Amino acid sequence: MRRVLVILIVIGIGLLAVVFLARREEKASNLSAQVISTSIPIEGFARADGTHSLSFPADFGPHHDYQTEWWYYTGNLDTAEGRHFGYELTFFRVAMQPPDQAALRASEWAADQIYMAHFAITDVEGGEFHAFQRFARGAIDLAGAEVQPYRVWLEDWNVEQTGSNSYLLTASNEGLWITLNLIDEKGPVLQGEAGYSRKGSDPSSASYYYSQSRLLTLGEIGIGDEIFAVTGLSWKDHEFSTNVLEPNQVGWDWFSIQLDDNYEIMLYQIRHEDGSIDPFSSGALIMPDGTTQPLASGDYEIETHDTWRSPYSDAVYPMGWTIRIIGAGLELDLAPYLLDQELNLSTIYWEGAVRVTGQHNGNPVGGVGYVEMTGYAEPLSPGL
């Protein structure tokens, strides 16, 4: 009789778990539909106009006066045996209404902020790319962001500060997980004009933008029953804004490059509907001491060598690049570790690990990087 009782309890727990998971997926789907289908007016939100001076640690945290915000972590990691992995852990915050219009309700579930997170692993030797998405409201500790100590989370996907310049990243989904310790070797790097990054002819088509471009990384990656001790480099981008893209802009190609001579490069080119490149595309060359050289669109060239058609979205992405920064003596070739690194989620985009080879001031140089390409499967919303 006791055995029968135990069996019934186990079955009951299993059924409850199935119901819980189904409801969680349904809630996530509903939140996703709400964020994607709702056109949120920008009136009442602060605009990036160059008047805000970035300071730290205050600007590590959330900026609820602005409509959208993201914290991006990407990295290239290796085992002692030379097995290579890429990873992405990204948190997005979307305000559903301006702070002065937020209706305070008694329910602890009440929230005017929605969080979305993406978690992806590129397993080069296994030839597999895994990507996951979650949504949660910024209430009852489901998701949120804090300043001191710095922390951003969505359920058990988490980044938190562990020391004056160290951070811990954790995420897991369907048998894949990361536990990574990051140490910032250069400190925050202000992009654009002291952190004010113009994206178009309207001065408020902009974001506030900084990077942590060289994060020494040590930790573990789990894939199924296998656990891999890894080391390498990570990159963090943090941007907040209210209106980034203009109506004729459909997406961007963004590059982060970490060279083995202790230089880093960030470049992006914004594409118009007709395929031309917006003159407000820009970037930065980051020196070994952390100082930067801003790059205007005319300071660099990006040549594409091939394309790849996604079997999932049917989007055609550029694939394989040569980047030239003539004034800095740089010519670099970028090749994806895997062609298929498309995140086919509520927003479809390609974000993947790349290997880098080339020349810097006449000397051979190597490195790693990440490339993000948006707007190929579908135009991005001007507010994102």
Foldseek 3Di string as FASTA:
>chain_A
DVVVVVVVVVVVVVVVVVVVVVVQVVVQVVVLCCVVVDDADLPQADFQQPPDFDDPPQVLWDDQSFFKKKKKKKWWKAFPVGFIKIKIKMKMKGFRHGPVPQDDDPDQQRARIKMKIKIWMDGLVVQDIDMDMGIDGPGPPQWGFDRVQTKGDHHPFIWTDDDPFKIWTWDDDDFKIWTKIWGQPADKAAADPSQWQAQDPPSRLTKRKIKSQWIWMWTWITHHPDIGTITGTMMIMIITGFFHADPQWFWKKWKWWQWPVQKIKIWMWIAGPVGDTGQSTWIWIADNNGHIDTGGPVQKDKDFDAWDQDPPLRFIGGAKIWMDRPVFQWTKIKHFSHPPQWDPDSFIKHKGKIWMWTDTNRHTITTIMIMIIHRRSHGDDRRD
